[in-house]
Amino acid sequence: MEEDLIERAERLGAYLMNRLRDMMERHSSIGDVRGKGLLIGVEIVGDKASKRPDVEAADRICAEAFKRGLYIIRMGSYGTGVLRVAPPLVVTREQLDEALRILDESIGIVEA
């Protein structure tokens, strides 16, 4: 059975990037969304103008998401506020939608 994982990663990655960029418009703490395929970074900032990383907010978002069933981590060492979004290549669109819902909710809680 041919699963076309590369094509799936491109297609679902584009969907994920679009949804995360929509979230960036609604959330003041998302400074940038970048990536390729299903490996995406969501930059958490204290201020969109200066793009100053907000490591504390990124860690709190990870903790809130984990409470709701989504495991997401902050990339890099101290001083980096980028969340790594890297679902498995076999992820379904429904699973992505649920993960995005949880991430959106978690960011909203931290911003409040």
PDB file of N, CA and C in Angstrom:
ATOM      1  N   MET A   1       0.840  -1.190   0.000  1.00  0.00           N
ATOM      2  CA  MET A   1       0.000   0.000   0.000  1.00  0.00           C
ATOM      3  C   MET A   1       0.880   1.247   0.000  1.00  0.00           C
ATOM      4  N   GLU A   2       0.659   2.127  -0.933  1.00  0.00           N
ATOM      5  CA  GLU A   2       1.409   3.366  -1.050  1.00  0.00           C
ATOM      6  C   GLU A   2       0.674   4.447  -0.256  1.00  0.00           C
ATOM      7  N   GLU A   3       1.372   5.059   0.692  1.00  0.00           N
ATOM      8  CA  GLU A   3       0.730   6.050   1.556  1.00  0.00           C
ATOM      9  C   GLU A   3       0.996   7.479   1.113  1.00  0.00           C
ATOM     10  N   ASP A   4       1.921   7.705   0.174  1.00  0.00           N
ATOM     11  CA  ASP A   4       2.240   9.055  -0.301  1.00  0.00           C
ATOM     12  C   ASP A   4       2.503  10.019   0.843  1.00  0.00           C
ATOM     13  N   LEU A   5       3.383   9.605   1.755  1.00  0.00           N
ATOM     14  CA  LEU A   5       3.626  10.412   2.956  1.00  0.00           C
ATOM     15  C   LEU A   5       4.202  11.782   2.649  1.00  0.00           C
ATOM     16  N   ILE A   6       5.042  11.883   1.638  1.00  0.00           N
ATOM     17  CA  ILE A   6       5.615  13.186   1.291  1.00  0.00           C
ATOM     18  C   ILE A   6       4.527  14.134   0.805  1.00  0.00           C
ATOM     19  N   GLU A   7       3.667  13.633  -0.064  1.00  0.00           N
ATOM     20  CA  GLU A   7       2.564  14.450  -0.564  1.00  0.00           C
ATOM     21  C   GLU A   7       1.606  14.816   0.575  1.00  0.00           C
ATOM     22  N   ARG A   8       1.328  13.858   1.454  1.00  0.00           N
ATOM     23  CA  ARG A   8       0.461  14.135   2.617  1.00  0.00           C
ATOM     24  C   ARG A   8       1.071  15.212   3.501  1.00  0.00           C
ATOM     25  N   ALA A   9       2.377  15.105   3.752  1.00  0.00           N
ATOM     26  CA  ALA A   9       3.062  16.081   4.605  1.00  0.00           C
ATOM     27  C   ALA A   9       2.969  17.480   3.995  1.00  0.00           C
ATOM     28  N   GLU A  10       3.144  17.578   2.681  1.00  0.00           N
ATOM     29  CA  GLU A  10       3.038  18.876   2.012  1.00  0.00           C
ATOM     30  C   GLU A  10       1.623  19.435   2.107  1.00  0.00           C
ATOM     31  N   ARG A  11       0.643  18.599   1.815  1.00  0.00           N
ATOM     32  CA  ARG A  11      -0.751  19.037   1.811  1.00  0.00           C
ATOM     33  C   ARG A  11      -1.228  19.413   3.213  1.00  0.00           C
ATOM     34  N   LEU A  12      -0.994  18.510   4.187  1.00  0.00           N
ATOM     35  CA  LEU A  12      -1.429  18.794   5.546  1.00  0.00           C
ATOM     36  C   LEU A  12      -0.592  19.897   6.184  1.00  0.00           C
ATOM     37  N   GLY A  13       0.683  19.997   5.798  1.00  0.00           N
ATOM     38  CA  GLY A  13       1.523  21.072   6.302  1.00  0.00           C
ATOM     39  C   GLY A  13       1.015  22.427   5.841  1.00  0.00           C
ATOM     40  N   ALA A  14       0.593  22.524   4.585  1.00  0.00           N
ATOM     41  CA  ALA A  14       0.033  23.781   4.070  1.00  0.00           C
ATOM     42  C   ALA A  14      -1.249  24.131   4.822  1.00  0.00           C
ATOM     43  N   TYR A  15      -2.086  23.144   5.068  1.00  0.00           N
ATOM     44  CA  TYR A  15      -3.317  23.362   5.838  1.00  0.00           C
ATOM     45  C   TYR A  15      -2.979  23.863   7.247  1.00  0.00           C
ATOM     46  N   LEU A  16      -2.022  23.208   7.893  1.00  0.00           N
ATOM     47  CA  LEU A  16      -1.614  23.572   9.245  1.00  0.00           C
ATOM     48  C   LEU A  16      -1.032  24.983   9.278  1.00  0.00           C
ATOM     49  N   MET A  17      -0.167  25.319   8.324  1.00  0.00           N
ATOM     50  CA  MET A  17       0.413  26.663   8.261  1.00  0.00           C
ATOM     51  C   MET A  17      -0.675  27.716   8.098  1.00  0.00           C
ATOM     52  N   ASN A  18      -1.639  27.469   7.226  1.00  0.00           N
ATOM     53  CA  ASN A  18      -2.723  28.433   7.020  1.00  0.00           C
ATOM     54  C   ASN A  18      -3.529  28.640   8.286  1.00  0.00           C
ATOM     55  N   ARG A  19      -3.845  27.557   8.960  1.00  0.00           N
ATOM     56  CA  ARG A  19      -4.616  27.667  10.203  1.00  0.00           C
ATOM     57  C   ARG A  19      -3.830  28.403  11.288  1.00  0.00           C
ATOM     58  N   LEU A  20      -2.529  28.107  11.394  1.00  0.00           N
ATOM     59  CA  LEU A  20      -1.700  28.783  12.390  1.00  0.00           C
ATOM     60  C   LEU A  20      -1.525  30.263  12.052  1.00  0.00           C
ATOM     61  N   ARG A  21      -1.436  30.602  10.782  1.00  0.00           N
ATOM     62  CA  ARG A  21      -1.345  32.022  10.394  1.00  0.00           C
ATOM     63  C   ARG A  21      -2.655  32.748  10.694  1.00  0.00           C
ATOM     64  N   ASP A  22      -3.785  32.061  10.551  1.00  0.00           N
ATOM     65  CA  ASP A  22      -5.064  32.646  10.970  1.00  0.00           C
ATOM     66  C   ASP A  22      -5.051  32.919  12.474  1.00  0.00           C
ATOM     67  N   MET A  23      -4.506  31.977  13.244  1.00  0.00           N
ATOM     68  CA  MET A  23      -4.396  32.167  14.696  1.00  0.00           C
ATOM     69  C   MET A  23      -3.489  33.351  15.009  1.00  0.00           C
ATOM     70  N   MET A  24      -2.445  33.543  14.215  1.00  0.00           N
ATOM     71  CA  MET A  24      -1.507  34.639  14.431  1.00  0.00           C
ATOM     72  C   MET A  24      -2.234  35.990  14.328  1.00  0.00           C
ATOM     73  N   GLU A  25      -3.222  36.070  13.456  1.00  0.00           N
ATOM     74  CA  GLU A  25      -3.999  37.306  13.311  1.00  0.00           C
ATOM     75  C   GLU A  25      -4.838  37.596  14.551  1.00  0.00           C
ATOM     76  N   ARG A  26      -5.248  36.547  15.252  1.00  0.00           N
ATOM     77  CA  ARG A  26      -6.120  36.705  16.421  1.00  0.00           C
ATOM     78  C   ARG A  26      -5.363  36.801  17.739  1.00  0.00           C
ATOM     79  N   HIS A  27      -4.140  36.327  17.780  1.00  0.00           N
ATOM     80  CA  HIS A  27      -3.393  36.266  19.038  1.00  0.00           C
ATOM     81  C   HIS A  27      -2.196  37.214  19.002  1.00  0.00           C
ATOM     82  N   SER A  28      -2.129  38.079  19.986  1.00  0.00           N
ATOM     83  CA  SER A  28      -1.037  39.058  20.057  1.00  0.00           C
ATOM     84  C   SER A  28       0.303  38.421  20.399  1.00  0.00           C
ATOM     85  N   SER A  29       0.293  37.223  20.942  1.00  0.00           N
ATOM     86  CA  SER A  29       1.551  36.595  21.349  1.00  0.00           C
ATOM     87  C   SER A  29       2.205  35.753  20.249  1.00  0.00           C
ATOM     88  N   ILE A  30       1.545  35.581  19.108  1.00  0.00           N
ATOM     89  CA  ILE A  30       2.170  34.844  18.003  1.00  0.00           C
ATOM     90  C   ILE A  30       2.834  35.860  17.084  1.00  0.00           C
ATOM     91  N   GLY A  31       4.172  35.836  17.064  1.00  0.00           N
ATOM     92  CA  GLY A  31       4.929  36.780  16.264  1.00  0.00           C
ATOM     93  C   GLY A  31       5.212  36.309  14.858  1.00  0.00           C
ATOM     94  N   ASP A  32       5.300  34.993  14.667  1.00  0.00           N
ATOM     95  CA  ASP A  32       5.591  34.450  13.348  1.00  0.00           C
ATOM     96  C   ASP A  32       5.260  32.962  13.333  1.00  0.00           C
ATOM     97  N   VAL A  33       4.978  32.463  12.145  1.00  0.00           N
ATOM     98  CA  VAL A  33       4.757  31.034  11.917  1.00  0.00           C
ATOM     99  C   VAL A  33       5.597  30.678  10.705  1.00  0.00           C
ATOM    100  N   ARG A  34       6.469  29.680  10.861  1.00  0.00           N
ATOM    101  CA  ARG A  34       7.333  29.301   9.751  1.00  0.00           C
ATOM    102  C   ARG A  34       7.592  27.796   9.783  1.00  0.00           C
ATOM    103  N   GLY A  35       7.870  27.248   8.623  1.00  0.00           N
ATOM    104  CA  GLY A  35       8.166  25.831   8.563  1.00  0.00           C
ATOM    105  C   GLY A  35       8.021  25.277   7.174  1.00  0.00           C
ATOM    106  N   LYS A  36       8.105  23.965   7.096  1.00  0.00           N
ATOM    107  CA  LYS A  36       7.963  23.261   5.823  1.00  0.00           C
ATOM    108  C   LYS A  36       7.348  21.903   6.122  1.00  0.00           C
ATOM    109  N   GLY A  37       6.354  21.556   5.327  1.00  0.00           N
ATOM    110  CA  GLY A  37       5.676  20.288   5.561  1.00  0.00           C
ATOM    111  C   GLY A  37       5.046  20.282   6.939  1.00  0.00           C
ATOM    112  N   LEU A  38       5.258  19.200   7.658  1.00  0.00           N
ATOM    113  CA  LEU A  38       4.667  19.066   8.986  1.00  0.00           C
ATOM    114  C   LEU A  38       5.642  19.413  10.115  1.00  0.00           C
ATOM    115  N   LEU A  39       6.673  20.197   9.812  1.00  0.00           N
ATOM    116  CA  LEU A  39       7.584  20.684  10.845  1.00  0.00           C
ATOM    117  C   LEU A  39       7.485  22.203  10.851  1.00  0.00           C
ATOM    118  N   ILE A  40       6.823  22.733  11.881  1.00  0.00           N
ATOM    119  CA  ILE A  40       6.482  24.149  11.921  1.00  0.00           C
ATOM    120  C   ILE A  40       6.877  24.735  13.269  1.00  0.00           C
ATOM    121  N   GLY A  41       7.346  25.977  13.233  1.00  0.00           N
ATOM    122  CA  GLY A  41       7.657  26.716  14.447  1.00  0.00           C
ATOM    123  C   GLY A  41       6.683  27.858  14.610  1.00  0.00           C
ATOM    124  N   VAL A  42       6.179  28.026  15.830  1.00  0.00           N
ATOM    125  CA  VAL A  42       5.272  29.120  16.167  1.00  0.00           C
ATOM    126  C   VAL A  42       6.010  29.987  17.179  1.00  0.00           C
ATOM    127  N   GLU A  43       6.382  31.194  16.747  1.00  0.00           N
ATOM    128  CA  GLU A  43       7.157  32.092  17.590  1.00  0.00           C
ATOM    129  C   GLU A  43       6.241  32.834  18.566  1.00  0.00           C
ATOM    130  N   ILE A  44       6.513  32.667  19.853  1.00  0.00           N
ATOM    131  CA  ILE A  44       5.739  33.336  20.897  1.00  0.00           C
ATOM    132  C   ILE A  44       6.526  34.569  21.338  1.00  0.00           C
ATOM    133  N   VAL A  45       5.877  35.731  21.246  1.00  0.00           N
ATOM    134  CA  VAL A  45       6.545  36.995  21.540  1.00  0.00           C
ATOM    135  C   VAL A  45       5.769  37.786  22.600  1.00  0.00           C
ATOM    136  N   GLY A  46       6.507  38.666  23.274  1.00  0.00           N
ATOM    137  CA  GLY A  46       5.877  39.565  24.240  1.00  0.00           C
ATOM    138  C   GLY A  46       5.314  40.799  23.564  1.00  0.00           C
ATOM    139  N   ASP A  47       5.861  41.099  22.375  1.00  0.00           N
ATOM    140  CA  ASP A  47       5.454  42.286  21.636  1.00  0.00           C
ATOM    141  C   ASP A  47       5.670  42.016  20.146  1.00  0.00           C
ATOM    142  N   LYS A  48       4.610  42.129  19.342  1.00  0.00           N
ATOM    143  CA  LYS A  48       4.724  41.828  17.913  1.00  0.00           C
ATOM    144  C   LYS A  48       5.649  42.808  17.191  1.00  0.00           C
ATOM    145  N   ALA A  49       5.679  44.061  17.623  1.00  0.00           N
ATOM    146  CA  ALA A  49       6.508  45.059  16.944  1.00  0.00           C
ATOM    147  C   ALA A  49       7.995  44.744  17.090  1.00  0.00           C
ATOM    148  N   SER A  50       8.433  44.448  18.301  1.00  0.00           N
ATOM    149  CA  SER A  50       9.854  44.169  18.534  1.00  0.00           C
ATOM    150  C   SER A  50      10.204  42.697  18.324  1.00  0.00           C
ATOM    151  N   LYS A  51       9.178  41.851  18.306  1.00  0.00           N
ATOM    152  CA  LYS A  51       9.354  40.393  18.198  1.00  0.00           C
ATOM    153  C   LYS A  51      10.230  39.839  19.323  1.00  0.00           C
ATOM    154  N   ARG A  52      10.142  40.463  20.486  1.00  0.00           N
ATOM    155  CA  ARG A  52      10.897  40.001  21.658  1.00  0.00           C
ATOM    156  C   ARG A  52      10.338  38.646  22.092  1.00  0.00           C
ATOM    157  N   PRO A  53      11.169  37.595  22.143  1.00  0.00           N
ATOM    158  CA  PRO A  53      10.676  36.275  22.554  1.00  0.00           C
ATOM    159  C   PRO A  53      10.119  36.312  23.969  1.00  0.00           C
ATOM    160  N   ASP A  54       9.046  35.565  24.188  1.00  0.00           N
ATOM    161  CA  ASP A  54       8.457  35.445  25.526  1.00  0.00           C
ATOM    162  C   ASP A  54       8.521  33.973  25.931  1.00  0.00           C
ATOM    163  N   VAL A  55       9.648  33.615  26.521  1.00  0.00           N
ATOM    164  CA  VAL A  55       9.905  32.234  26.908  1.00  0.00           C
ATOM    165  C   VAL A  55       8.911  31.765  27.964  1.00  0.00           C
ATOM    166  N   GLU A  56       8.616  32.629  28.929  1.00  0.00           N
ATOM    167  CA  GLU A  56       7.683  32.265  29.997  1.00  0.00           C
ATOM    168  C   GLU A  56       6.301  31.952  29.425  1.00  0.00           C
ATOM    169  N   ALA A  57       5.809  32.800  28.520  1.00  0.00           N
ATOM    170  CA  ALA A  57       4.498  32.553  27.904  1.00  0.00           C
ATOM    171  C   ALA A  57       4.531  31.262  27.086  1.00  0.00           C
ATOM    172  N   ALA A  58       5.623  31.022  26.367  1.00  0.00           N
ATOM    173  CA  ALA A  58       5.734  29.793  25.573  1.00  0.00           C
ATOM    174  C   ALA A  58       5.654  28.566  26.475  1.00  0.00           C
ATOM    175  N   ASP A  59       6.351  28.612  27.601  1.00  0.00           N
ATOM    176  CA  ASP A  59       6.309  27.481  28.541  1.00  0.00           C
ATOM    177  C   ASP A  59       4.914  27.316  29.143  1.00  0.00           C
ATOM    178  N   ARG A  60       4.250  28.418  29.440  1.00  0.00           N
ATOM    179  CA  ARG A  60       2.892  28.339  29.994  1.00  0.00           C
ATOM    180  C   ARG A  60       1.910  27.787  28.962  1.00  0.00           C
ATOM    181  N   ILE A  61       2.079  28.159  27.700  1.00  0.00           N
ATOM    182  CA  ILE A  61       1.231  27.615  26.636  1.00  0.00           C
ATOM    183  C   ILE A  61       1.433  26.105  26.539  1.00  0.00           C
ATOM    184  N   CYS A  62       2.681  25.656  26.606  1.00  0.00           N
ATOM    185  CA  CYS A  62       2.968  24.212  26.566  1.00  0.00           C
ATOM    186  C   CYS A  62       2.275  23.496  27.726  1.00  0.00           C
ATOM    187  N   ALA A  63       2.338  24.088  28.916  1.00  0.00           N
ATOM    188  CA  ALA A  63       1.722  23.477  30.102  1.00  0.00           C
ATOM    189  C   ALA A  63       0.201  23.434  29.963  1.00  0.00           C
ATOM    190  N   GLU A  64      -0.398  24.516  29.490  1.00  0.00           N
ATOM    191  CA  GLU A  64      -1.863  24.544  29.305  1.00  0.00           C
ATOM    192  C   GLU A  64      -2.294  23.521  28.266  1.00  0.00           C
ATOM    193  N   ALA A  65      -1.550  23.423  27.175  1.00  0.00           N
ATOM    194  CA  ALA A  65      -1.891  22.459  26.126  1.00  0.00           C
ATOM    195  C   ALA A  65      -1.780  21.031  26.658  1.00  0.00           C
ATOM    196  N   PHE A  66      -0.743  20.770  27.454  1.00  0.00           N
ATOM    197  CA  PHE A  66      -0.546  19.433  28.008  1.00  0.00           C
ATOM    198  C   PHE A  66      -1.715  19.033  28.910  1.00  0.00           C
ATOM    199  N   LYS A  67      -2.221  19.979  29.698  1.00  0.00           N
ATOM    200  CA  LYS A  67      -3.386  19.714  30.560  1.00  0.00           C
ATOM    201  C   LYS A  67      -4.591  19.276  29.734  1.00  0.00           C
ATOM    202  N   ARG A  68      -4.656  19.744  28.494  1.00  0.00           N
ATOM    203  CA  ARG A  68      -5.797  19.461  27.624  1.00  0.00           C
ATOM    204  C   ARG A  68      -5.544  18.303  26.659  1.00  0.00           C
ATOM    205  N   GLY A  69      -4.365  17.662  26.788  1.00  0.00           N
ATOM    206  CA  GLY A  69      -4.093  16.466  25.990  1.00  0.00           C
ATOM    207  C   GLY A  69      -3.209  16.667  24.777  1.00  0.00           C
ATOM    208  N   LEU A  70      -2.581  17.848  24.649  1.00  0.00           N
ATOM    209  CA  LEU A  70      -1.700  18.108  23.514  1.00  0.00           C
ATOM    210  C   LEU A  70      -0.283  18.309  24.034  1.00  0.00           C
ATOM    211  N   TYR A  71       0.634  17.478  23.564  1.00  0.00           N
ATOM    212  CA  TYR A  71       2.032  17.605  23.957  1.00  0.00           C
ATOM    213  C   TYR A  71       2.743  18.441  22.906  1.00  0.00           C
ATOM    214  N   ILE A  72       3.202  19.604  23.312  1.00  0.00           N
ATOM    215  CA  ILE A  72       3.927  20.503  22.429  1.00  0.00           C
ATOM    216  C   ILE A  72       5.097  21.053  23.233  1.00  0.00           C
ATOM    217  N   ILE A  73       6.231  21.278  22.572  1.00  0.00           N
ATOM    218  CA  ILE A  73       7.400  21.736  23.319  1.00  0.00           C
ATOM    219  C   ILE A  73       7.928  23.050  22.756  1.00  0.00           C
ATOM    220  N   ARG A  74       8.701  23.719  23.607  1.00  0.00           N
ATOM    221  CA  ARG A  74       9.423  24.919  23.186  1.00  0.00           C
ATOM    222  C   ARG A  74      10.778  24.473  22.667  1.00  0.00           C
ATOM    223  N   MET A  75      11.151  24.979  21.506  1.00  0.00           N
ATOM    224  CA  MET A  75      12.413  24.575  20.883  1.00  0.00           C
ATOM    225  C   MET A  75      13.582  25.368  21.446  1.00  0.00           C
ATOM    226  N   GLY A  76      14.738  24.775  21.340  1.00  0.00           N
ATOM    227  CA  GLY A  76      15.969  25.473  21.636  1.00  0.00           C
ATOM    228  C   GLY A  76      16.260  25.623  23.104  1.00  0.00           C
ATOM    229  N   SER A  77      17.235  26.458  23.352  1.00  0.00           N
ATOM    230  CA  SER A  77      17.676  26.692  24.722  1.00  0.00           C
ATOM    231  C   SER A  77      17.001  27.931  25.286  1.00  0.00           C
ATOM    232  N   TYR A  78      17.479  28.353  26.428  1.00  0.00           N
ATOM    233  CA  TYR A  78      16.919  29.520  27.082  1.00  0.00           C
ATOM    234  C   TYR A  78      16.948  30.718  26.139  1.00  0.00           C
ATOM    235  N   GLY A  79      15.893  31.489  26.139  1.00  0.00           N
ATOM    236  CA  GLY A  79      15.819  32.680  25.311  1.00  0.00           C
ATOM    237  C   GLY A  79      15.058  32.493  24.015  1.00  0.00           C
ATOM    238  N   THR A  80      14.632  31.278  23.731  1.00  0.00           N
ATOM    239  CA  THR A  80      13.886  31.000  22.507  1.00  0.00           C
ATOM    240  C   THR A  80      12.432  30.703  22.860  1.00  0.00           C
ATOM    241  N   GLY A  81      11.525  31.439  22.262  1.00  0.00           N
ATOM    242  CA  GLY A  81      10.108  31.248  22.545  1.00  0.00           C
ATOM    243  C   GLY A  81       9.369  30.606  21.389  1.00  0.00           C
ATOM    244  N   VAL A  82       9.986  29.658  20.709  1.00  0.00           N
ATOM    245  CA  VAL A  82       9.367  29.032  19.541  1.00  0.00           C
ATOM    246  C   VAL A  82       8.803  27.666  19.923  1.00  0.00           C
ATOM    247  N   LEU A  83       7.517  27.488  19.649  1.00  0.00           N
ATOM    248  CA  LEU A  83       6.875  26.196  19.874  1.00  0.00           C
ATOM    249  C   LEU A  83       7.090  25.325  18.649  1.00  0.00           C
ATOM    250  N   ARG A  84       7.414  24.071  18.868  1.00  0.00           N
ATOM    251  CA  ARG A  84       7.597  23.130  17.753  1.00  0.00           C
ATOM    252  C   ARG A  84       6.297  22.369  17.527  1.00  0.00           C
ATOM    253  N   VAL A  85       5.772  22.494  16.332  1.00  0.00           N
ATOM    254  CA  VAL A  85       4.585  21.750  15.919  1.00  0.00           C
ATOM    255  C   VAL A  85       5.071  20.721  14.909  1.00  0.00           C
ATOM    256  N   ALA A  86       5.074  19.446  15.307  1.00  0.00           N
ATOM    257  CA  ALA A  86       5.631  18.396  14.451  1.00  0.00           C
ATOM    258  C   ALA A  86       4.824  17.108  14.610  1.00  0.00           C
ATOM    259  N   PRO A  87       3.605  17.085  14.056  1.00  0.00           N
ATOM    260  CA  PRO A  87       2.811  15.860  14.162  1.00  0.00           C
ATOM    261  C   PRO A  87       3.403  14.751  13.295  1.00  0.00           C
ATOM    262  N   PRO A  88       3.036  13.514  13.572  1.00  0.00           N
ATOM    263  CA  PRO A  88       3.533  12.401  12.751  1.00  0.00           C
ATOM    264  C   PRO A  88       2.994  12.496  11.325  1.00  0.00           C
ATOM    265  N   LEU A  89       3.703  11.888  10.392  1.00  0.00           N
ATOM    266  CA  LEU A  89       3.306  11.946   8.982  1.00  0.00           C
ATOM    267  C   LEU A  89       1.960  11.283   8.717  1.00  0.00           C
ATOM    268  N   VAL A  90       1.520  10.419   9.601  1.00  0.00           N
ATOM    269  CA  VAL A  90       0.246   9.724   9.401  1.00  0.00           C
ATOM    270  C   VAL A  90      -0.917  10.431  10.092  1.00  0.00           C
ATOM    271  N   VAL A  91      -0.707  11.646  10.584  1.00  0.00           N
ATOM    272  CA  VAL A  91      -1.757  12.390  11.273  1.00  0.00           C
ATOM    273  C   VAL A  91      -2.935  12.620  10.319  1.00  0.00           C
ATOM    274  N   THR A  92      -4.133  12.639  10.884  1.00  0.00           N
ATOM    275  CA  THR A  92      -5.324  12.928  10.082  1.00  0.00           C
ATOM    276  C   THR A  92      -5.677  14.408  10.218  1.00  0.00           C
ATOM    277  N   ARG A  93      -6.464  14.886   9.290  1.00  0.00           N
ATOM    278  CA  ARG A  93      -6.913  16.289   9.358  1.00  0.00           C
ATOM    279  C   ARG A  93      -7.749  16.526  10.614  1.00  0.00           C
ATOM    280  N   GLU A  94      -8.533  15.542  11.000  1.00  0.00           N
ATOM    281  CA  GLU A  94      -9.340  15.665  12.218  1.00  0.00           C
ATOM    282  C   GLU A  94      -8.450  15.802  13.454  1.00  0.00           C
ATOM    283  N   GLN A  95      -7.361  15.049  13.487  1.00  0.00           N
ATOM    284  CA  GLN A  95      -6.427  15.152  14.611  1.00  0.00           C
ATOM    285  C   GLN A  95      -5.743  16.514  14.616  1.00  0.00           C
ATOM    286  N   LEU A  96      -5.397  17.025  13.440  1.00  0.00           N
ATOM    287  CA  LEU A  96      -4.819  18.367  13.358  1.00  0.00           C
ATOM    288  C   LEU A  96      -5.799  19.413  13.867  1.00  0.00           C
ATOM    289  N   ASP A  97      -7.061  19.288  13.465  1.00  0.00           N
ATOM    290  CA  ASP A  97      -8.078  20.242  13.915  1.00  0.00           C
ATOM    291  C   ASP A  97      -8.213  20.237  15.434  1.00  0.00           C
ATOM    292  N   GLU A  98      -8.182  19.062  16.030  1.00  0.00           N
ATOM    293  CA  GLU A  98      -8.276  18.968  17.493  1.00  0.00           C
ATOM    294  C   GLU A  98      -7.045  19.581  18.157  1.00  0.00           C
ATOM    295  N   ALA A  99      -5.868  19.308  17.612  1.00  0.00           N
ATOM    296  CA  ALA A  99      -4.637  19.888  18.157  1.00  0.00           C
ATOM    297  C   ALA A  99      -4.662  21.414  18.038  1.00  0.00           C
ATOM    298  N   LEU A 100      -5.121  21.913  16.916  1.00  0.00           N
ATOM    299  CA  LEU A 100      -5.206  23.359  16.719  1.00  0.00           C
ATOM    300  C   LEU A 100      -6.212  23.991  17.675  1.00  0.00           C
ATOM    301  N   ARG A 101      -7.319  23.303  17.919  1.00  0.00           N
ATOM    302  CA  ARG A 101      -8.312  23.811  18.862  1.00  0.00           C
ATOM    303  C   ARG A 101      -7.697  23.947  20.247  1.00  0.00           C
ATOM    304  N   ILE A 102      -6.975  22.914  20.673  1.00  0.00           N
ATOM    305  CA  ILE A 102      -6.352  22.925  21.994  1.00  0.00           C
ATOM    306  C   ILE A 102      -5.275  24.011  22.065  1.00  0.00           C
ATOM    307  N   LEU A 103      -4.459  24.134  21.029  1.00  0.00           N
ATOM    308  CA  LEU A 103      -3.412  25.159  21.024  1.00  0.00           C
ATOM    309  C   LEU A 103      -4.022  26.556  21.066  1.00  0.00           C
ATOM    310  N   ASP A 104      -5.047  26.789  20.280  1.00  0.00           N
ATOM    311  CA  ASP A 104      -5.737  28.076  20.241  1.00  0.00           C
ATOM    312  C   ASP A 104      -6.290  28.423  21.618  1.00  0.00           C
ATOM    313  N   GLU A 105      -6.939  27.464  22.243  1.00  0.00           N
ATOM    314  CA  GLU A 105      -7.509  27.643  23.595  1.00  0.00           C
ATOM    315  C   GLU A 105      -6.398  27.936  24.601  1.00  0.00           C
ATOM    316  N   SER A 106      -5.312  27.215  24.516  1.00  0.00           N
ATOM    317  CA  SER A 106      -4.209  27.366  25.465  1.00  0.00           C
ATOM    318  C   SER A 106      -3.550  28.743  25.330  1.00  0.00           C
ATOM    319  N   ILE A 107      -3.365  29.195  24.109  1.00  0.00           N
ATOM    320  CA  ILE A 107      -2.795  30.526  23.896  1.00  0.00           C
ATOM    321  C   ILE A 107      -3.732  31.593  24.453  1.00  0.00           C
ATOM    322  N   GLY A 108      -5.023  31.431  24.206  1.00  0.00           N
ATOM    323  CA  GLY A 108      -6.004  32.376  24.738  1.00  0.00           C
ATOM    324  C   GLY A 108      -5.977  32.465  26.248  1.00  0.00           C
ATOM    325  N   ILE A 109      -5.838  31.345  26.918  1.00  0.00           N
ATOM    326  CA  ILE A 109      -5.775  31.323  28.389  1.00  0.00           C
ATOM    327  C   ILE A 109      -4.535  32.056  28.874  1.00  0.00           C
ATOM    328  N   VAL A 110      -3.398  31.817  28.244  1.00  0.00           N
ATOM    329  CA  VAL A 110      -2.153  32.467  28.669  1.00  0.00           C
ATOM    330  C   VAL A 110      -2.211  33.964  28.385  1.00  0.00           C
ATOM    331  N   GLU A 111      -2.840  34.361  27.301  1.00  0.00           N
ATOM    332  CA  GLU A 111      -2.935  35.781  26.981  1.00  0.00           C
ATOM    333  C   GLU A 111      -3.897  36.533  27.897  1.00  0.00           C
ATOM    334  N   ALA A 112      -4.847  35.827  28.474  1.00  0.00           N
ATOM    335  CA  ALA A 112      -5.877  36.489  29.303  1.00  0.00           C
ATOM    336  C   ALA A 112      -5.320  37.023  30.612  1.00  0.00           C
TER     337      ALA A 112
END
